[in-house]
Amino acid sequence: MKSDKVLDAKGLACPMPIVRTKKAMNELESGQILEVHATDKGFKSDLAAWSKSGGHDVLEQDEDGDVLKFWVQKG
């Protein structure tokens, strides 16, 4: 999937991946897509809750070894 920006949050522990995701999302325009790479397993549920509360859509997710990849469209 094509993304407008890629955020590398690998190796960061909670809550830093979601903090960095929020900051990166603020730099995007509505409708643009942020690709996030993370290794914190708790980030999956954090991202789902944060996206829902902020009006963003998690379009796709994938696992590449221990790396979780998410594509989030800004609401």
C-alpha atoms as a PDB file:
ATOM      1  CA  MET A   1       0.000   0.000   0.000  1.00  0.00           C
ATOM      2  CA  LYS A   2       1.240   3.470  -0.870  1.00  0.00           C
ATOM      3  CA  SER A   3       1.851   5.790   2.056  1.00  0.00           C
ATOM      4  CA  ASP A   4       2.526   9.527   2.281  1.00  0.00           C
ATOM      5  CA  LYS A   5       4.854   9.210   5.275  1.00  0.00           C
ATOM      6  CA  VAL A   6       6.661   6.354   7.044  1.00  0.00           C
ATOM      7  CA  LEU A   7       7.226   6.333  10.803  1.00  0.00           C
ATOM      8  CA  ASP A   8       9.850   3.994  12.258  1.00  0.00           C
ATOM      9  CA  ALA A   9       8.821   3.260  15.851  1.00  0.00           C
ATOM     10  CA  LYS A  10      10.716  -0.031  16.096  1.00  0.00           C
ATOM     11  CA  GLY A  11      12.366  -0.668  19.467  1.00  0.00           C
ATOM     12  CA  LEU A  12      10.242   1.913  21.287  1.00  0.00           C
ATOM     13  CA  ALA A  13       8.230   0.877  24.342  1.00  0.00           C
ATOM     14  CA  CYS A  14       4.747   2.056  25.247  1.00  0.00           C
ATOM     15  CA  PRO A  15       3.672   4.851  25.159  1.00  0.00           C
ATOM     16  CA  MET A  16       6.295   6.189  22.726  1.00  0.00           C
ATOM     17  CA  PRO A  17       5.017   4.509  19.510  1.00  0.00           C
ATOM     18  CA  ILE A  18       1.584   6.101  19.908  1.00  0.00           C
ATOM     19  CA  VAL A  19       3.132   9.450  20.921  1.00  0.00           C
ATOM     20  CA  ARG A  20       5.273   9.432  17.757  1.00  0.00           C
ATOM     21  CA  THR A  21       2.286   8.305  15.657  1.00  0.00           C
ATOM     22  CA  LYS A  22       0.200  11.213  16.952  1.00  0.00           C
ATOM     23  CA  LYS A  23       2.997  13.685  16.169  1.00  0.00           C
ATOM     24  CA  ALA A  24       3.470  12.285  12.648  1.00  0.00           C
ATOM     25  CA  MET A  25      -0.289  12.370  11.987  1.00  0.00           C
ATOM     26  CA  ASN A  26      -0.369  16.074  12.896  1.00  0.00           C
ATOM     27  CA  GLU A  27       2.003  16.702   9.968  1.00  0.00           C
ATOM     28  CA  LEU A  28      -0.340  15.060   7.433  1.00  0.00           C
ATOM     29  CA  GLU A  29      -3.369  16.410   5.613  1.00  0.00           C
ATOM     30  CA  SER A  30      -6.772  14.743   5.930  1.00  0.00           C
ATOM     31  CA  GLY A  31      -6.933  11.656   3.692  1.00  0.00           C
ATOM     32  CA  GLN A  32      -3.173  11.073   3.649  1.00  0.00           C
ATOM     33  CA  ILE A  33      -1.750   7.740   4.806  1.00  0.00           C
ATOM     34  CA  LEU A  34       0.840   7.134   7.516  1.00  0.00           C
ATOM     35  CA  GLU A  35       2.760   3.852   7.495  1.00  0.00           C
ATOM     36  CA  VAL A  36       3.942   2.859  10.971  1.00  0.00           C
ATOM     37  CA  HIS A  37       6.517   0.166  11.801  1.00  0.00           C
ATOM     38  CA  ALA A  38       6.586  -0.945  15.456  1.00  0.00           C
ATOM     39  CA  THR A  39       7.833  -3.849  17.563  1.00  0.00           C
ATOM     40  CA  ASP A  40       5.793  -3.158  20.728  1.00  0.00           C
ATOM     41  CA  LYS A  41       3.009  -5.792  20.720  1.00  0.00           C
ATOM     42  CA  GLY A  42       0.755  -3.531  22.807  1.00  0.00           C
ATOM     43  CA  PHE A  43       0.851  -0.906  20.062  1.00  0.00           C
ATOM     44  CA  LYS A  44      -1.746  -2.834  18.040  1.00  0.00           C
ATOM     45  CA  SER A  45      -4.528  -2.266  20.594  1.00  0.00           C
ATOM     46  CA  ASP A  46      -3.268   1.243  21.421  1.00  0.00           C
ATOM     47  CA  LEU A  47      -3.410   2.218  17.746  1.00  0.00           C
ATOM     48  CA  ALA A  48      -6.902   0.785  17.287  1.00  0.00           C
ATOM     49  CA  ALA A  49      -8.263   2.746  20.259  1.00  0.00           C
ATOM     50  CA  TRP A  50      -6.403   5.944  19.376  1.00  0.00           C
ATOM     51  CA  SER A  51      -7.465   5.811  15.715  1.00  0.00           C
ATOM     52  CA  LYS A  52     -11.110   5.279  16.628  1.00  0.00           C
ATOM     53  CA  SER A  53     -11.123   8.167  19.113  1.00  0.00           C
ATOM     54  CA  GLY A  54      -9.371  10.483  16.642  1.00  0.00           C
ATOM     55  CA  GLY A  55     -11.503   9.628  13.616  1.00  0.00           C
ATOM     56  CA  HIS A  56      -8.664   7.915  11.713  1.00  0.00           C
ATOM     57  CA  ASP A  57      -8.893   4.599   9.835  1.00  0.00           C
ATOM     58  CA  VAL A  58      -6.480   1.680  10.136  1.00  0.00           C
ATOM     59  CA  LEU A  59      -6.623   0.534   6.517  1.00  0.00           C
ATOM     60  CA  GLU A  60      -4.262  -2.406   6.663  1.00  0.00           C
ATOM     61  CA  GLN A  61      -1.906  -4.212   9.016  1.00  0.00           C
ATOM     62  CA  ASP A  62       0.821  -6.743   8.446  1.00  0.00           C
ATOM     63  CA  GLU A  63       3.457  -8.636  10.424  1.00  0.00           C
ATOM     64  CA  ASP A  64       6.972  -9.014   9.058  1.00  0.00           C
ATOM     65  CA  GLY A  65       8.772 -11.178  11.602  1.00  0.00           C
ATOM     66  CA  ASP A  66       8.622  -9.203  14.856  1.00  0.00           C
ATOM     67  CA  VAL A  67       7.791  -5.936  13.073  1.00  0.00           C
ATOM     68  CA  LEU A  68       4.175  -4.810  13.020  1.00  0.00           C
ATOM     69  CA  LYS A  69       3.232  -2.610  10.073  1.00  0.00           C
ATOM     70  CA  PHE A  70       0.144  -0.432   9.955  1.00  0.00           C
ATOM     71  CA  TRP A  71      -1.308   1.914   7.342  1.00  0.00           C
ATOM     72  CA  VAL A  72      -3.458   4.626   8.919  1.00  0.00           C
ATOM     73  CA  GLN A  73      -5.481   7.164   6.963  1.00  0.00           C
ATOM     74  CA  LYS A  74      -5.919  10.543   8.611  1.00  0.00           C
ATOM     75  CA  GLY A  75      -9.546  11.437   9.247  1.00  0.00           C
END
